C-alpha atoms as a PDB file:
ATOM      1  CA  UNK A   1       7.463  18.498   8.448  1.00  0.00           C
ATOM      2  CA  UNK A   2       7.585  17.007  11.991  1.00  0.00           C
ATOM      3  CA  UNK A   3       5.782  13.501  12.168  1.00  0.00           C
ATOM      4  CA  UNK A   4       2.974  13.593  14.962  1.00  0.00           C
ATOM      5  CA  UNK A   5       2.583  10.768  17.117  1.00  0.00           C
ATOM      6  CA  UNK A   6      -0.703   9.645  17.067  1.00  0.00           C
ATOM      7  CA  UNK A   7      -0.138   6.447  19.164  1.00  0.00           C
ATOM      8  CA  UNK A   8       2.205   6.124  22.038  1.00  0.00           C
ATOM      9  CA  UNK A   9       4.361   4.416  20.315  1.00  0.00           C
ATOM     10  CA  UNK A  10       6.405   5.908  16.813  1.00  0.00           C
ATOM     11  CA  UNK A  11       6.718   2.278  15.717  1.00  0.00           C
ATOM     12  CA  UNK A  12       2.755   1.894  15.727  1.00  0.00           C
ATOM     13  CA  UNK A  13       2.178   5.324  14.094  1.00  0.00           C
ATOM     14  CA  UNK A  14       4.870   4.612  11.216  1.00  0.00           C
ATOM     15  CA  UNK A  15       3.351   1.268  10.529  1.00  0.00           C
ATOM     16  CA  UNK A  16      -0.506   2.877  10.041  1.00  0.00           C
ATOM     17  CA  UNK A  17       0.813   5.673   8.064  1.00  0.00           C
ATOM     18  CA  UNK A  18       3.104   3.702   5.889  1.00  0.00           C
ATOM     19  CA  UNK A  19       0.203   1.114   5.402  1.00  0.00           C
ATOM     20  CA  UNK A  20      -2.381   3.866   4.244  1.00  0.00           C
ATOM     21  CA  UNK A  21       0.473   5.390   1.896  1.00  0.00           C
ATOM     22  CA  UNK A  22       0.547   1.445   0.486  1.00  0.00           C
ATOM     23  CA  UNK A  23      -3.075   1.357   0.114  1.00  0.00           C
ATOM     24  CA  UNK A  24      -3.043   4.450  -1.613  1.00  0.00           C
ATOM     25  CA  UNK A  25      -0.031   3.461  -4.077  1.00  0.00           C
ATOM     26  CA  UNK A  26      -1.492   0.481  -4.979  1.00  0.00           C
ATOM     27  CA  UNK A  27      -4.835   2.434  -5.864  1.00  0.00           C
ATOM     28  CA  UNK A  28      -3.108   4.847  -7.745  1.00  0.00           C
ATOM     29  CA  UNK A  29      -1.211   2.570  -9.576  1.00  0.00           C
ATOM     30  CA  UNK A  30      -4.507   0.261 -10.751  1.00  0.00           C
ATOM     31  CA  UNK A  31      -5.942   3.872 -11.919  1.00  0.00           C
ATOM     32  CA  UNK A  32      -2.921   4.528 -13.735  1.00  0.00           C
ATOM     33  CA  UNK A  33      -2.917   0.945 -15.624  1.00  0.00           C
ATOM     34  CA  UNK A  34      -6.999   1.467 -16.088  1.00  0.00           C
ATOM     35  CA  UNK A  35      -6.647   4.555 -17.851  1.00  0.00           C
ATOM     36  CA  UNK A  36      -3.594   3.395 -19.977  1.00  0.00           C
ATOM     37  CA  UNK A  37      -0.803   5.524 -18.554  1.00  0.00           C
ATOM     38  CA  UNK A  38       0.806   2.249 -17.347  1.00  0.00           C
ATOM     39  CA  UNK A  39       0.608  -1.561 -18.222  1.00  0.00           C
ATOM     40  CA  UNK A  40      -0.574  -4.229 -15.984  1.00  0.00           C
ATOM     41  CA  UNK A  41       2.152  -6.419 -17.732  1.00  0.00           C
ATOM     42  CA  UNK A  42       4.788  -4.457 -16.271  1.00  0.00           C
ATOM     43  CA  UNK A  43       4.502  -5.434 -12.814  1.00  0.00           C
ATOM     44  CA  UNK A  44       4.093  -9.129 -13.538  1.00  0.00           C
ATOM     45  CA  UNK A  45       6.165 -10.983 -10.886  1.00  0.00           C
ATOM     46  CA  UNK A  46       6.860 -14.834 -10.526  1.00  0.00           C
ATOM     47  CA  UNK A  47       4.262 -15.639 -13.119  1.00  0.00           C
ATOM     48  CA  UNK A  48       1.623 -13.767 -11.295  1.00  0.00           C
ATOM     49  CA  UNK A  49      -0.834 -10.898 -13.154  1.00  0.00           C
ATOM     50  CA  UNK A  50       0.338  -7.301 -12.783  1.00  0.00           C
ATOM     51  CA  UNK A  51      -3.402  -6.905 -11.377  1.00  0.00           C
ATOM     52  CA  UNK A  52      -2.636  -9.441  -8.412  1.00  0.00           C
ATOM     53  CA  UNK A  53       0.583  -7.893  -7.767  1.00  0.00           C
ATOM     54  CA  UNK A  54      -0.605  -4.155  -7.456  1.00  0.00           C
ATOM     55  CA  UNK A  55      -3.525  -5.514  -5.233  1.00  0.00           C
ATOM     56  CA  UNK A  56      -0.850  -7.757  -3.036  1.00  0.00           C
ATOM     57  CA  UNK A  57       0.718  -4.006  -2.516  1.00  0.00           C
ATOM     58  CA  UNK A  58      -2.687  -2.646  -1.365  1.00  0.00           C
ATOM     59  CA  UNK A  59      -3.460  -5.555   0.859  1.00  0.00           C
ATOM     60  CA  UNK A  60       0.026  -5.526   2.257  1.00  0.00           C
ATOM     61  CA  UNK A  61      -0.912  -1.908   3.247  1.00  0.00           C
ATOM     62  CA  UNK A  62      -4.074  -2.960   4.931  1.00  0.00           C
ATOM     63  CA  UNK A  63      -2.236  -5.516   7.020  1.00  0.00           C
ATOM     64  CA  UNK A  64       0.440  -3.127   8.193  1.00  0.00           C
ATOM     65  CA  UNK A  65      -2.184  -0.405   9.056  1.00  0.00           C
ATOM     66  CA  UNK A  66      -4.548  -3.181  10.720  1.00  0.00           C
ATOM     67  CA  UNK A  67      -1.640  -4.345  12.937  1.00  0.00           C
ATOM     68  CA  UNK A  68      -0.205  -0.926  13.648  1.00  0.00           C
ATOM     69  CA  UNK A  69      -3.734   0.155  14.808  1.00  0.00           C
ATOM     70  CA  UNK A  70      -4.497  -3.159  17.416  1.00  0.00           C
ATOM     71  CA  UNK A  71      -4.878  -2.326  20.593  1.00  0.00           C
END
């Protein structure tokens, strides 16, 4: 599978795609915790709740995608 360059720069394209992937990963992990397949406590980092850590992954994905698509 070949990566089709959406922007003129490969780094920007990867940034957007990785960002969207992180958003999807965060959403999938939160859903898995809600339905009971995983536990939020397994994602606790440095005293922060698991939900906050998983939300941080999604927010980081949003920032990567936004910075990659910035004109």
